[in-house]
Amino acid sequence: MSHAVGVGSIALFASFFFMNDRNQTDLPTNEIFTGDNVAVLSTWPDACIDLVVTSPPYDNLRTYGGHTWDFEGVARELTRVLKPGGVIVWVVADATIKGSETLTSMRQAIHFKDVCGLRVHDTMIYRKNSYVPLNHSRYEQCWEYMFVLSKGAPTKWTPIRIPCVTVGTKRWRGNEKQREASYAMKAVEKHTEVKPDKTAPNIFTYDVGKNERTEHNAPFPLDLARDHILSWSSDGDVVLDPFAGSGTTCLAARDAGRRYVGIEINAEYVEIINRRLGLANHSISHHEK
């Protein structure tokens, strides 16, 4: 079944062992689980996660110690453990093979929608402000998808606000037809003053690798994880990364006052996560009999 390793206590082991009964709602948080993510998730109770922020391996663009993963199994289990109103932020891109993009990312989003029953709440873009030029026969790829998938309507949303460059100016209220009618009737013009800030657009831009150096070969920016955590969750919520990698989502969740749970199959990456989180070889290992 499973057991705790490192500095895990007997109580922690008992809690994890007891989760084989899905009627239980106790889930150890602020922990990293080592093992196959589908196997680990399958032991967890329904509706125990508020938010998922993750970037799975895609199209074999990089090797991760020879490990493979089951997309359909991950999608099924993430949908099950996600709370109603919860959100999955799925950060992915596509390989180009023989001159054609695979569109694997689109197929995954459609699977979440048509098979798992989630909403595609938003198709966002992660734009890389710095990227390595590949010098191939097309424009440089400097972005990835960030599919925001929700179980029903998201129950939590705190949008990022950005300054309005036209703050203090006047603008029309209403649509174009209403404006034309107002002019024709020589009615009193109705204006509203532009506010100092507005909701950010759904294209987020980050400097890749500028301030973050890890031993993982594909970390995403800490600010990316933080922005989504602040947008789609509240203090004390449980944030999951089932492909924990170097622990960026877990680190951002902890710093934002959330509880984190990470799953990582590669033991070397778990050591990286522990170092970043300031833990001493602290993880829960899952083994299948």
Protein backbone atom coordinates (compact mmCIF):
# COMPACT_ATOMS: atom_id res chain seq x y z
CA MET A 1 0.00 0.00 0.00
CA SER A 2 1.89 3.07 1.20
CA HIS A 3 4.16 4.30 3.90
CA ALA A 4 5.76 7.51 5.08
CA VAL A 5 9.46 8.08 4.66
CA GLY A 6 11.91 10.73 5.85
CA VAL A 7 10.60 12.70 8.80
CA GLY A 8 6.97 11.63 8.35
CA SER A 9 5.31 10.78 11.63
CA ILE A 10 3.26 7.72 12.54
CA ALA A 11 0.16 9.90 12.57
CA LEU A 12 0.89 11.07 9.03
CA PHE A 13 1.32 7.48 7.88
CA ALA A 14 -1.97 6.48 9.50
CA SER A 15 -3.77 9.39 7.85
CA PHE A 16 -2.48 8.47 4.38
CA PHE A 17 -3.16 4.75 4.89
CA PHE A 18 -6.72 5.51 5.97
CA MET A 19 -7.44 7.38 2.74
CA ASN A 20 -8.09 4.11 0.95
CA ASP A 21 -11.67 4.73 2.14
CA ARG A 22 -12.83 7.51 -0.20
CA ASN A 23 -15.51 8.53 2.27
CA GLN A 24 -12.74 10.02 4.37
CA THR A 25 -12.09 13.71 3.81
CA ASP A 26 -8.72 13.98 5.57
CA LEU A 27 -5.91 14.64 3.13
CA PRO A 28 -2.37 15.34 4.34
CA THR A 29 -1.42 18.77 3.06
CA ASN A 30 1.87 20.63 2.79
CA GLU A 31 3.29 17.30 1.64
CA ILE A 32 5.00 15.85 -1.43
CA PHE A 33 3.87 12.38 -2.53
CA THR A 34 6.41 10.29 -4.41
CA GLY A 35 4.94 7.91 -6.98
CA ASP A 36 2.75 7.57 -10.05
CA ASN A 37 0.18 10.36 -9.96
CA VAL A 38 -2.81 8.23 -11.02
CA ALA A 39 -1.98 5.61 -8.37
CA VAL A 40 -1.62 8.29 -5.70
CA LEU A 41 -4.72 10.23 -6.72
CA SER A 42 -6.84 7.07 -6.79
CA THR A 43 -6.44 6.76 -2.99
CA TRP A 44 -7.70 10.27 -2.29
CA PRO A 45 -11.29 11.20 -1.38
CA ASP A 46 -13.63 12.91 -3.82
CA ALA A 47 -13.76 16.72 -3.96
CA CYS A 48 -10.72 17.41 -1.75
CA ILE A 49 -8.80 19.87 -3.99
CA ASP A 50 -9.64 23.54 -4.57
CA LEU A 51 -7.16 24.32 -7.35
CA VAL A 52 -4.74 22.49 -9.64
CA VAL A 53 -1.87 24.39 -11.28
CA THR A 54 0.36 22.13 -13.35
CA SER A 55 2.39 21.73 -16.52
CA PRO A 56 2.54 18.08 -17.58
CA PRO A 57 5.19 16.63 -19.88
CA TYR A 58 3.92 17.04 -23.43
CA ASP A 59 4.74 15.36 -26.73
CA ASN A 60 7.96 13.81 -25.39
CA LEU A 61 9.76 17.12 -25.87
CA ARG A 62 11.85 16.29 -22.81
CA THR A 63 12.68 13.07 -21.00
CA TYR A 64 11.86 12.73 -17.32
CA GLY A 65 13.96 9.81 -16.18
CA GLY A 66 12.22 7.46 -18.60
CA HIS A 67 8.85 7.83 -16.85
CA THR A 68 5.60 7.85 -18.80
CA TRP A 69 2.16 9.03 -17.74
CA ASP A 70 -1.48 8.24 -18.43
CA PHE A 71 -3.29 11.38 -19.61
CA GLU A 72 -6.80 9.91 -19.50
CA GLY A 73 -6.19 8.50 -16.02
CA VAL A 74 -4.83 11.82 -14.77
CA ALA A 75 -7.76 13.73 -16.30
CA ARG A 76 -10.28 11.35 -14.74
CA GLU A 77 -8.72 11.50 -11.27
CA LEU A 78 -8.19 15.27 -11.29
CA THR A 79 -11.84 15.76 -12.19
CA ARG A 80 -12.90 13.46 -9.35
CA VAL A 81 -10.78 15.07 -6.62
CA LEU A 82 -11.59 18.63 -7.73
CA LYS A 83 -14.23 20.40 -5.67
CA PRO A 84 -17.36 21.81 -7.35
CA GLY A 85 -16.41 25.28 -8.51
CA GLY A 86 -12.73 24.34 -8.46
CA VAL A 87 -10.28 25.11 -11.25
CA ILE A 88 -7.52 23.27 -13.12
CA VAL A 89 -4.87 25.43 -14.82
CA TRP A 90 -3.34 23.15 -17.48
CA VAL A 91 -0.17 24.66 -18.97
CA VAL A 92 0.81 22.90 -22.21
CA ALA A 93 2.25 23.35 -25.69
CA ASP A 94 2.75 21.21 -28.80
CA ALA A 95 5.69 19.66 -30.56
CA THR A 96 6.27 20.19 -34.27
CA ILE A 97 6.84 16.87 -36.02
CA LYS A 98 7.72 16.70 -39.71
CA GLY A 99 6.69 20.31 -40.16
CA SER A 100 3.28 19.99 -38.47
CA GLU A 101 2.17 20.85 -34.95
CA THR A 102 0.65 17.89 -33.09
CA LEU A 103 -2.26 19.83 -31.48
CA THR A 104 -2.04 17.46 -28.52
CA SER A 105 -2.87 20.36 -26.21
CA MET A 106 -6.17 20.97 -28.00
CA ARG A 107 -7.09 17.29 -27.84
CA GLN A 108 -6.44 17.30 -24.11
CA ALA A 109 -8.63 20.36 -23.56
CA ILE A 110 -11.42 18.78 -25.60
CA HIS A 111 -11.10 15.56 -23.58
CA PHE A 112 -11.46 17.49 -20.32
CA LYS A 113 -14.60 19.13 -21.73
CA ASP A 114 -16.31 16.31 -23.64
CA VAL A 115 -15.27 13.26 -21.59
CA CYS A 116 -14.68 14.63 -18.09
CA GLY A 117 -17.46 17.21 -18.22
CA LEU A 118 -15.37 20.22 -17.19
CA ARG A 119 -15.86 23.71 -18.57
CA VAL A 120 -13.16 25.35 -20.65
CA HIS A 121 -13.56 28.54 -18.66
CA ASP A 122 -10.77 30.38 -20.47
CA THR A 123 -8.02 29.69 -22.98
CA MET A 124 -5.16 31.80 -21.72
CA ILE A 125 -1.68 32.35 -23.11
CA TYR A 126 1.63 32.16 -21.27
CA ARG A 127 3.94 34.42 -23.29
CA LYS A 128 7.67 34.04 -22.76
CA ASN A 129 9.43 37.39 -22.75
CA SER A 130 12.74 35.67 -23.37
CA TYR A 131 13.16 32.52 -25.42
CA VAL A 132 15.85 30.54 -27.21
CA PRO A 133 15.72 31.09 -31.00
CA LEU A 134 15.50 27.83 -32.91
CA ASN A 135 16.13 29.31 -36.36
CA HIS A 136 13.70 27.04 -38.17
CA SER A 137 11.37 27.84 -41.09
CA ARG A 138 8.62 29.51 -39.05
CA TYR A 139 8.19 32.31 -36.54
CA GLU A 140 9.70 31.58 -33.14
CA GLN A 141 7.40 29.87 -30.66
CA CYS A 142 7.32 32.07 -27.57
CA TRP A 143 4.11 31.00 -25.82
CA GLU A 144 2.16 28.11 -24.31
CA TYR A 145 -1.51 27.49 -23.61
CA MET A 146 -2.92 27.90 -20.10
CA PHE A 147 -6.30 26.15 -20.24
CA VAL A 148 -8.45 27.22 -17.29
CA LEU A 149 -10.81 24.29 -16.71
CA SER A 150 -13.55 24.48 -14.10
CA LYS A 151 -15.98 22.09 -12.44
CA GLY A 152 -19.06 24.19 -13.01
CA ALA A 153 -18.71 27.94 -12.65
CA PRO A 154 -15.57 28.93 -10.70
CA THR A 155 -16.54 29.84 -7.16
CA LYS A 156 -13.46 31.97 -6.57
CA TRP A 157 -11.97 34.65 -8.76
CA THR A 158 -9.80 37.56 -7.73
CA PRO A 159 -8.68 39.11 -11.01
CA ILE A 160 -5.29 40.68 -11.47
CA ARG A 161 -5.67 44.41 -12.06
CA ILE A 162 -3.45 46.56 -14.26
CA PRO A 163 -3.27 50.36 -14.64
CA CYS A 164 -5.42 52.12 -17.24
CA VAL A 165 -3.34 54.44 -19.41
CA THR A 166 -6.43 56.57 -20.11
CA VAL A 167 -7.36 57.02 -16.46
CA GLY A 168 -9.44 60.15 -15.82
CA THR A 169 -10.68 60.53 -19.40
CA LYS A 170 -14.35 60.27 -20.37
CA ARG A 171 -15.86 57.49 -22.46
CA TRP A 172 -19.32 56.62 -23.67
CA ARG A 173 -21.58 54.29 -21.77
CA GLY A 174 -23.66 51.93 -23.90
CA ASN A 175 -23.19 50.46 -27.36
CA GLU A 176 -22.63 52.12 -30.73
CA LYS A 177 -26.31 52.09 -31.69
CA GLN A 178 -27.24 53.85 -28.47
CA ARG A 179 -24.56 56.46 -29.11
CA GLU A 180 -25.85 57.12 -32.65
CA ALA A 181 -29.42 57.47 -31.37
CA SER A 182 -28.24 59.91 -28.74
CA TYR A 183 -26.50 62.07 -31.32
CA ALA A 184 -29.52 62.00 -33.63
CA MET A 185 -31.84 63.12 -30.87
CA LYS A 186 -29.30 65.63 -29.57
CA ALA A 187 -29.70 64.09 -26.18
CA VAL A 188 -27.41 64.81 -23.28
CA GLU A 189 -24.26 62.75 -23.71
CA LYS A 190 -23.72 60.14 -21.06
CA HIS A 191 -20.10 59.51 -20.21
CA THR A 192 -18.30 57.57 -17.53
CA GLU A 193 -14.83 58.32 -16.23
CA VAL A 194 -12.13 55.74 -16.90
CA LYS A 195 -11.06 54.08 -13.66
CA PRO A 196 -7.41 53.87 -12.59
CA ASP A 197 -7.18 50.12 -13.20
CA LYS A 198 -8.84 47.29 -15.11
CA THR A 199 -8.88 43.49 -15.28
CA ALA A 200 -5.73 42.14 -16.93
CA PRO A 201 -6.03 40.45 -20.35
CA ASN A 202 -5.75 36.68 -20.63
CA ILE A 203 -2.21 36.81 -22.01
CA PHE A 204 0.33 36.67 -19.17
CA THR A 205 3.95 37.57 -19.96
CA TYR A 206 6.91 36.37 -17.90
CA ASP A 207 10.69 36.52 -18.10
CA VAL A 208 11.68 32.87 -18.37
CA GLY A 209 14.49 31.74 -16.09
CA LYS A 210 15.60 35.27 -15.25
CA ASN A 211 15.44 35.01 -11.46
CA GLU A 212 14.91 31.29 -10.98
CA ARG A 213 17.55 28.62 -11.35
CA THR A 214 16.65 25.03 -10.51
CA GLU A 215 18.06 21.64 -11.40
CA HIS A 216 14.84 20.75 -13.20
CA ASN A 217 15.02 20.96 -17.00
CA ALA A 218 11.67 22.67 -17.53
CA PRO A 219 10.51 24.81 -14.59
CA PHE A 220 7.81 27.38 -15.21
CA PRO A 221 7.99 30.84 -13.63
CA LEU A 222 7.14 31.20 -9.97
CA ASP A 223 5.11 34.31 -10.84
CA LEU A 224 2.93 32.26 -13.21
CA ALA A 225 1.96 29.85 -10.45
CA ARG A 226 1.49 32.68 -7.97
CA ASP A 227 -0.77 34.69 -10.29
CA HIS A 228 -3.10 31.75 -10.90
CA ILE A 229 -3.14 30.78 -7.22
CA LEU A 230 -4.11 34.32 -6.24
CA SER A 231 -6.71 34.44 -9.02
CA TRP A 232 -8.53 31.13 -8.44
CA SER A 233 -8.18 30.31 -4.73
CA SER A 234 -8.46 31.77 -1.23
CA ASP A 235 -6.39 31.64 1.96
CA GLY A 236 -6.18 28.12 3.34
CA ASP A 237 -7.34 26.41 0.12
CA VAL A 238 -5.65 23.20 -1.05
CA VAL A 239 -3.56 23.62 -4.22
CA LEU A 240 -2.32 20.53 -6.09
CA ASP A 241 0.39 19.97 -8.66
CA PRO A 242 0.27 16.33 -9.87
CA PHE A 243 3.47 16.90 -11.89
CA ALA A 244 5.33 18.70 -9.14
CA GLY A 245 8.68 18.86 -10.97
CA SER A 246 10.85 21.36 -9.11
CA GLY A 247 8.03 22.34 -6.74
CA THR A 248 7.21 25.76 -8.18
CA THR A 249 3.44 25.48 -7.63
CA CYS A 250 3.93 24.16 -4.09
CA LEU A 251 6.34 26.98 -3.25
CA ALA A 252 3.99 29.63 -4.66
CA ALA A 253 1.02 28.12 -2.81
CA ARG A 254 2.85 28.09 0.51
CA ASP A 255 4.00 31.69 0.09
CA ALA A 256 0.43 32.75 -0.78
CA GLY A 257 -1.00 31.25 2.41
CA ARG A 258 -2.49 28.16 0.76
CA ARG A 259 -1.98 24.50 1.62
CA TYR A 260 -0.09 22.59 -1.04
CA VAL A 261 0.03 18.99 -2.20
CA GLY A 262 2.51 17.79 -4.81
CA ILE A 263 2.96 14.47 -6.60
CA GLU A 264 6.25 13.62 -8.30
CA ILE A 265 7.43 10.25 -9.60
CA ASN A 266 11.09 11.20 -10.01
CA ALA A 267 12.96 10.87 -6.70
CA GLU A 268 15.67 13.29 -7.85
CA TYR A 269 13.07 15.99 -8.45
CA VAL A 270 11.56 15.32 -5.02
CA GLU A 271 14.96 16.17 -3.53
CA ILE A 272 14.93 19.46 -5.47
CA ILE A 273 11.44 20.23 -4.16
CA ASN A 274 12.49 19.50 -0.59
CA ARG A 275 15.46 21.85 -0.89
CA ARG A 276 13.31 24.66 -2.34
CA LEU A 277 10.68 24.21 0.37
CA GLY A 278 13.29 23.90 3.11
CA LEU A 279 12.25 20.34 3.95
CA ALA A 280 14.59 17.56 5.03
CA ASN A 281 13.90 14.62 2.71
CA HIS A 282 10.22 14.92 3.61
CA SER A 283 7.87 12.99 1.34
CA ILE A 284 5.28 10.27 1.35
CA SER A 285 6.10 7.31 -0.87
CA HIS A 286 3.38 5.38 -2.66
CA HIS A 287 4.05 1.83 -3.79
CA GLU A 288 1.67 -0.52 -5.56
CA LYS A 289 1.69 -4.16 -4.55
